[in-house]
C-alpha atoms as a PDB file:
ATOM      1  CA  MET A   1      60.331 103.301 112.011  1.00  0.00           C
ATOM      2  CA  SER A   2      59.584 103.538 115.758  1.00  0.00           C
ATOM      3  CA  LYS A   3      59.400 100.509 118.013  1.00  0.00           C
ATOM      4  CA  LEU A   4      57.295 100.522 121.177  1.00  0.00           C
ATOM      5  CA  THR A   5      58.473  98.623 124.250  1.00  0.00           C
ATOM      6  CA  THR A   6      56.660  98.201 127.549  1.00  0.00           C
ATOM      7  CA  ILE A   7      58.643  97.935 130.769  1.00  0.00           C
ATOM      8  CA  ASP A   8      57.335  96.667 134.100  1.00  0.00           C
ATOM      9  CA  PHE A   9      59.041  98.810 136.731  1.00  0.00           C
ATOM     10  CA  HIS A  10      58.041  98.780 140.407  1.00  0.00           C
ATOM     11  CA  ASP A  11      54.551  97.512 139.498  1.00  0.00           C
ATOM     12  CA  ASP A  12      54.065 100.259 136.897  1.00  0.00           C
ATOM     13  CA  THR A  13      53.930  99.776 133.148  1.00  0.00           C
ATOM     14  CA  LEU A  14      56.187 102.256 131.389  1.00  0.00           C
ATOM     15  CA  PHE A  15      56.351 102.873 127.664  1.00  0.00           C
ATOM     16  CA  ALA A  16      59.545 103.404 125.717  1.00  0.00           C
ATOM     17  CA  VAL A  17      59.818 104.212 122.024  1.00  0.00           C
ATOM     18  CA  GLU A  18      62.940 103.389 120.045  1.00  0.00           C
ATOM     19  CA  ALA A  19      63.063 106.107 117.402  1.00  0.00           C
ATOM     20  CA  PRO A  20      65.654 108.022 115.436  1.00  0.00           C
ATOM     21  CA  GLY A  21      67.513 110.100 118.009  1.00  0.00           C
ATOM     22  CA  GLY A  22      67.322 107.568 120.833  1.00  0.00           C
ATOM     23  CA  VAL A  23      64.977 105.789 123.166  1.00  0.00           C
ATOM     24  CA  PHE A  24      62.184 107.958 124.552  1.00  0.00           C
ATOM     25  CA  VAL A  25      60.099 107.200 127.646  1.00  0.00           C
ATOM     26  CA  ALA A  26      56.524 108.416 128.096  1.00  0.00           C
ATOM     27  CA  VAL A  27      56.408 110.826 131.050  1.00  0.00           C
ATOM     28  CA  LYS A  28      52.690 110.605 131.919  1.00  0.00           C
ATOM     29  CA  PRO A  29      52.640 106.927 133.009  1.00  0.00           C
ATOM     30  CA  ILE A  30      55.574 107.599 135.333  1.00  0.00           C
ATOM     31  CA  CYS A  31      53.832 110.654 136.765  1.00  0.00           C
ATOM     32  CA  ASP A  32      50.621 108.670 137.211  1.00  0.00           C
ATOM     33  CA  GLY A  33      52.529 105.921 139.022  1.00  0.00           C
ATOM     34  CA  LEU A  34      54.250 108.463 141.275  1.00  0.00           C
ATOM     35  CA  GLY A  35      51.065 110.388 141.990  1.00  0.00           C
ATOM     36  CA  ILE A  36      52.396 113.663 140.557  1.00  0.00           C
ATOM     37  CA  ASP A  37      50.904 116.060 138.008  1.00  0.00           C
ATOM     38  CA  PRO A  38      52.145 115.189 134.484  1.00  0.00           C
ATOM     39  CA  LYS A  39      51.386 118.679 133.142  1.00  0.00           C
ATOM     40  CA  LYS A  40      53.520 120.374 135.806  1.00  0.00           C
ATOM     41  CA  GLN A  41      56.315 117.867 135.279  1.00  0.00           C
ATOM     42  CA  ARG A  42      56.281 118.492 131.546  1.00  0.00           C
ATOM     43  CA  GLU A  43      56.537 122.239 132.220  1.00  0.00           C
ATOM     44  CA  ARG A  44      59.426 121.627 134.631  1.00  0.00           C
ATOM     45  CA  ILE A  45      61.235 119.487 132.037  1.00  0.00           C
ATOM     46  CA  GLN A  46      60.733 122.166 129.372  1.00  0.00           C
ATOM     47  CA  ARG A  47      62.143 124.877 131.683  1.00  0.00           C
ATOM     48  CA  ASP A  48      65.333 122.905 132.307  1.00  0.00           C
ATOM     49  CA  PRO A  49      68.020 123.716 129.692  1.00  0.00           C
ATOM     50  CA  VAL A  50      69.389 120.155 129.644  1.00  0.00           C
ATOM     51  CA  LEU A  51      66.182 118.138 129.992  1.00  0.00           C
ATOM     52  CA  THR A  52      64.364 120.129 127.314  1.00  0.00           C
ATOM     53  CA  GLU A  53      66.920 118.869 124.758  1.00  0.00           C
ATOM     54  CA  GLY A  54      65.434 115.381 125.122  1.00  0.00           C
ATOM     55  CA  GLY A  55      61.729 116.183 125.223  1.00  0.00           C
ATOM     56  CA  ALA A  56      59.631 115.056 122.260  1.00  0.00           C
ATOM     57  CA  MET A  57      56.062 114.333 121.292  1.00  0.00           C
ATOM     58  CA  MET A  58      55.588 110.727 120.169  1.00  0.00           C
ATOM     59  CA  ALA A  59      52.552 108.849 118.897  1.00  0.00           C
ATOM     60  CA  LEU A  60      51.816 106.005 121.293  1.00  0.00           C
ATOM     61  CA  PRO A  61      49.051 103.456 120.876  1.00  0.00           C
ATOM     62  CA  SER A  62      46.055 103.722 123.164  1.00  0.00           C
ATOM     63  CA  ALA A  63      42.580 102.225 123.388  1.00  0.00           C
ATOM     64  CA  GLY A  64      41.264 105.076 121.220  1.00  0.00           C
ATOM     65  CA  GLY A  65      44.075 104.858 118.672  1.00  0.00           C
ATOM     66  CA  PRO A  66      47.481 106.523 118.508  1.00  0.00           C
ATOM     67  CA  GLN A  67      47.832 109.605 120.715  1.00  0.00           C
ATOM     68  CA  GLU A  68      50.589 112.189 120.905  1.00  0.00           C
ATOM     69  CA  THR A  69      52.365 111.760 124.238  1.00  0.00           C
ATOM     70  CA  PHE A  70      55.169 113.804 125.766  1.00  0.00           C
ATOM     71  CA  CYS A  71      58.307 111.678 126.138  1.00  0.00           C
ATOM     72  CA  LEU A  72      61.780 112.211 127.525  1.00  0.00           C
ATOM     73  CA  ARG A  73      64.919 110.680 126.080  1.00  0.00           C
ATOM     74  CA  LEU A  74      66.037 107.759 128.244  1.00  0.00           C
ATOM     75  CA  ASP A  75      69.494 109.135 129.057  1.00  0.00           C
ATOM     76  CA  LEU A  76      67.845 112.201 130.666  1.00  0.00           C
ATOM     77  CA  LEU A  77      65.253 110.318 132.697  1.00  0.00           C
ATOM     78  CA  GLN A  78      67.438 110.111 135.818  1.00  0.00           C
ATOM     79  CA  GLY A  79      68.065 113.863 135.732  1.00  0.00           C
ATOM     80  CA  TRP A  80      64.340 114.498 135.731  1.00  0.00           C
ATOM     81  CA  LEU A  81      63.607 111.980 138.487  1.00  0.00           C
ATOM     82  CA  PHE A  82      66.384 113.347 140.716  1.00  0.00           C
ATOM     83  CA  GLY A  83      64.700 116.749 140.504  1.00  0.00           C
ATOM     84  CA  ILE A  84      61.447 115.524 142.041  1.00  0.00           C
ATOM     85  CA  ASP A  85      61.334 116.569 145.691  1.00  0.00           C
ATOM     86  CA  ALA A  86      59.911 113.611 147.639  1.00  0.00           C
ATOM     87  CA  ALA A  87      58.949 115.963 150.481  1.00  0.00           C
ATOM     88  CA  ARG A  88      56.614 117.844 148.125  1.00  0.00           C
ATOM     89  CA  VAL A  89      54.633 114.869 146.813  1.00  0.00           C
ATOM     90  CA  ALA A  90      51.602 113.270 148.442  1.00  0.00           C
ATOM     91  CA  PRO A  91      52.595 111.145 151.456  1.00  0.00           C
ATOM     92  CA  GLU A  92      51.285 107.978 149.783  1.00  0.00           C
ATOM     93  CA  ALA A  93      53.565 108.630 146.772  1.00  0.00           C
ATOM     94  CA  ARG A  94      56.791 109.309 148.737  1.00  0.00           C
ATOM     95  CA  ASP A  95      57.933 105.700 148.994  1.00  0.00           C
ATOM     96  CA  ARG A  96      57.462 105.181 145.249  1.00  0.00           C
ATOM     97  CA  VAL A  97      59.365 108.387 144.365  1.00  0.00           C
ATOM     98  CA  LEU A  98      62.221 107.300 146.630  1.00  0.00           C
ATOM     99  CA  ALA A  99      62.205 103.787 145.122  1.00  0.00           C
ATOM    100  CA  TYR A 100      62.535 105.275 141.620  1.00  0.00           C
ATOM    101  CA  LYS A 101      65.393 107.509 142.782  1.00  0.00           C
ATOM    102  CA  ARG A 102      67.197 104.622 144.488  1.00  0.00           C
ATOM    103  CA  GLU A 103      66.948 102.543 141.332  1.00  0.00           C
ATOM    104  CA  CYS A 104      68.373 105.429 139.296  1.00  0.00           C
ATOM    105  CA  CYS A 105      71.273 105.780 141.742  1.00  0.00           C
ATOM    106  CA  ALA A 106      71.976 102.045 141.549  1.00  0.00           C
ATOM    107  CA  VAL A 107      71.898 102.089 137.746  1.00  0.00           C
ATOM    108  CA  LEU A 108      74.340 105.014 137.582  1.00  0.00           C
ATOM    109  CA  PHE A 109      76.638 103.391 140.140  1.00  0.00           C
ATOM    110  CA  ARG A 110      76.678 100.076 138.249  1.00  0.00           C
ATOM    111  CA  HIS A 111      77.395 101.926 135.023  1.00  0.00           C
ATOM    112  CA  PHE A 112      80.564 103.511 136.378  1.00  0.00           C
ATOM    113  CA  TYR A 113      81.745 100.975 138.973  1.00  0.00           C
ATOM    114  CA  GLY A 114      79.813  97.737 138.572  1.00  0.00           C
ATOM    115  CA  GLU A 115      80.095  95.460 141.589  1.00  0.00           C
ATOM    116  CA  ARG A 116      83.885  95.378 141.311  1.00  0.00           C
ATOM    117  CA  VAL A 117      84.572  97.851 144.110  1.00  0.00           C
ATOM    118  CA  GLY A 118      83.045  95.495 146.677  1.00  0.00           C
ATOM    119  CA  VAL A 119      80.298  97.914 147.670  1.00  0.00           C
ATOM    120  CA  PRO A 120      76.809  96.400 147.483  1.00  0.00           C
ATOM    121  CA  VAL A 121      74.333  98.560 145.582  1.00  0.00           C
ATOM    122  CA  GLY A 122      71.077  98.239 147.482  1.00  0.00           C
ATOM    123  CA  ASN A 123      69.072  95.389 146.035  1.00  0.00           C
ATOM    124  CA  ALA A 124      70.400  96.023 142.542  1.00  0.00           C
ATOM    125  CA  GLN A 125      71.199  93.229 140.129  1.00  0.00           C
ATOM    126  CA  PRO A 126      74.879  92.342 139.764  1.00  0.00           C
ATOM    127  CA  ALA A 127      76.853  94.160 137.124  1.00  0.00           C
ATOM    128  CA  ARG A 128      77.873  92.422 133.940  1.00  0.00           C
ATOM    129  CA  GLU A 129      81.037  90.404 134.532  1.00  0.00           C
ATOM    130  CA  GLU A 130      84.188  90.917 132.550  1.00  0.00           C
ATOM    131  CA  PRO A 131      84.580  88.313 129.790  1.00  0.00           C
ATOM    132  CA  VAL A 132      86.548  85.185 130.742  1.00  0.00           C
ATOM    133  CA  PRO A 133      89.618  86.108 128.621  1.00  0.00           C
ATOM    134  CA  ILE A 134      89.963  89.413 130.493  1.00  0.00           C
ATOM    135  CA  ARG A 135      89.615  87.669 133.880  1.00  0.00           C
ATOM    136  CA  ARG A 136      92.245  85.115 132.846  1.00  0.00           C
ATOM    137  CA  GLN A 137      94.572  87.933 131.800  1.00  0.00           C
ATOM    138  CA  LEU A 138      94.116  89.498 135.238  1.00  0.00           C
ATOM    139  CA  VAL A 139      95.143  86.188 136.827  1.00  0.00           C
ATOM    140  CA  THR A 140      98.206  85.974 134.585  1.00  0.00           C
ATOM    141  CA  GLU A 141      99.236  89.507 135.517  1.00  0.00           C
ATOM    142  CA  ALA A 142      98.660  88.771 139.215  1.00  0.00           C
ATOM    143  CA  ARG A 143     100.874  85.693 138.948  1.00  0.00           C
ATOM    144  CA  GLN A 144     103.666  87.632 137.241  1.00  0.00           C
ATOM    145  CA  THR A 145     103.437  90.490 139.721  1.00  0.00           C
ATOM    146  CA  PHE A 146     102.492  88.850 143.015  1.00  0.00           C
ATOM    147  CA  GLY A 147     103.210  85.156 142.523  1.00  0.00           C
ATOM    148  CA  PRO A 148     101.206  81.914 142.277  1.00  0.00           C
ATOM    149  CA  ARG A 149      99.367  82.280 145.601  1.00  0.00           C
ATOM    150  CA  ALA A 150      97.895  85.629 144.611  1.00  0.00           C
ATOM    151  CA  ALA A 151      97.027  84.288 141.166  1.00  0.00           C
ATOM    152  CA  GLY A 152      95.287  81.256 142.707  1.00  0.00           C
ATOM    153  CA  SER A 153      93.260  83.419 145.071  1.00  0.00           C
ATOM    154  CA  LEU A 154      92.291  85.734 142.239  1.00  0.00           C
ATOM    155  CA  TRP A 155      91.265  82.786 140.028  1.00  0.00           C
ATOM    156  CA  PHE A 156      88.749  81.643 142.657  1.00  0.00           C
ATOM    157  CA  ALA A 157      87.606  85.186 143.505  1.00  0.00           C
ATOM    158  CA  LEU A 158      86.828  85.892 139.842  1.00  0.00           C
ATOM    159  CA  GLY A 159      84.761  82.725 139.583  1.00  0.00           C
ATOM    160  CA  LEU A 160      86.789  81.227 136.781  1.00  0.00           C
ATOM    161  CA  PRO A 161      86.142  77.550 135.958  1.00  0.00           C
ATOM    162  CA  ILE A 162      87.614  75.036 138.383  1.00  0.00           C
ATOM    163  CA  VAL A 163      88.320  71.337 138.124  1.00  0.00           C
ATOM    164  CA  PRO A 164      88.355  68.863 141.022  1.00  0.00           C
ATOM    165  CA  GLU A 165      92.162  68.907 141.170  1.00  0.00           C
ATOM    166  CA  MET A 166      92.015  72.613 141.992  1.00  0.00           C
ATOM    167  CA  GLN A 167      89.739  72.134 145.004  1.00  0.00           C
ATOM    168  CA  GLU A 168      92.609  71.432 147.387  1.00  0.00           C
ATOM    169  CA  GLY A 169      93.858  74.923 146.615  1.00  0.00           C
ATOM    170  CA  ALA A 170      90.537  76.667 147.195  1.00  0.00           C
ATOM    171  CA  PRO A 171      90.505  79.794 149.396  1.00  0.00           C
ATOM    172  CA  GLN A 172      90.443  79.016 153.112  1.00  0.00           C
ATOM    173  CA  GLN A 173      89.783  81.118 156.193  1.00  0.00           C
ATOM    174  CA  GLY A 174      92.970  81.995 158.078  1.00  0.00           C
ATOM    175  CA  ALA A 175      93.417  82.142 161.859  1.00  0.00           C
ATOM    176  CA  PHE A 176      93.163  85.938 161.879  1.00  0.00           C
ATOM    177  CA  GLY A 177      89.993  86.105 159.752  1.00  0.00           C
ATOM    178  CA  PHE A 178      91.533  86.860 156.377  1.00  0.00           C
ATOM    179  CA  THR A 179      91.238  84.640 153.329  1.00  0.00           C
ATOM    180  CA  TYR A 180      94.227  83.015 151.727  1.00  0.00           C
ATOM    181  CA  THR A 181      94.712  80.313 149.174  1.00  0.00           C
ATOM    182  CA  ALA A 182      96.634  77.187 149.965  1.00  0.00           C
ATOM    183  CA  ILE A 183      98.498  76.187 146.821  1.00  0.00           C
ATOM    184  CA  PRO A 184      99.675  72.554 146.821  1.00  0.00           C
ATOM    185  CA  ALA A 185     103.443  72.272 147.191  1.00  0.00           C
ATOM    186  CA  SER A 186     103.683  70.464 143.856  1.00  0.00           C
ATOM    187  CA  ALA A 187     102.044  73.455 142.132  1.00  0.00           C
ATOM    188  CA  GLU A 188     104.463  75.930 143.758  1.00  0.00           C
ATOM    189  CA  ARG A 189     107.500  73.916 142.644  1.00  0.00           C
ATOM    190  CA  SER A 190     106.285  73.831 139.053  1.00  0.00           C
ATOM    191  CA  ALA A 191     105.664  77.585 139.044  1.00  0.00           C
END
């Protein structure tokens, strides 16, 4: 059984079908939104030895009833979009093609690196955070390796829960512009 999903993406409505073999995205609505010829794009996809593996005809609902529509498997969508030369599309479509490509780059970057490397990814949404138990384990390992000050700084940097008693040890700006954590003397003695 196939399940149809609509996705609002950069003011376009895209159609995805969850079917055996993966999630497939209708190519024509993307082409229409980008101002490029869907027939030529389908031919280009079918000439590519990797992209053609994920091409499929799917029945999608329309005003006149279900219609067979060429779709591309979701995991190959970025490969197809990266192959569109923005310099060869109509000038009014260039910004939209580049926006699609930027979004694909941001998605791939977040997949492999998330936001953890400290490099902002355009206007992309933040990556999924590690679960609290993993973040707490990182703090424990930092404490064992680098001591309580490093563990305290990491606790705050990871956004772990804090209680009012911890506020006096919150990260502070040092004289030379770097951040450090002031751990109360009583906490250091008990460590």
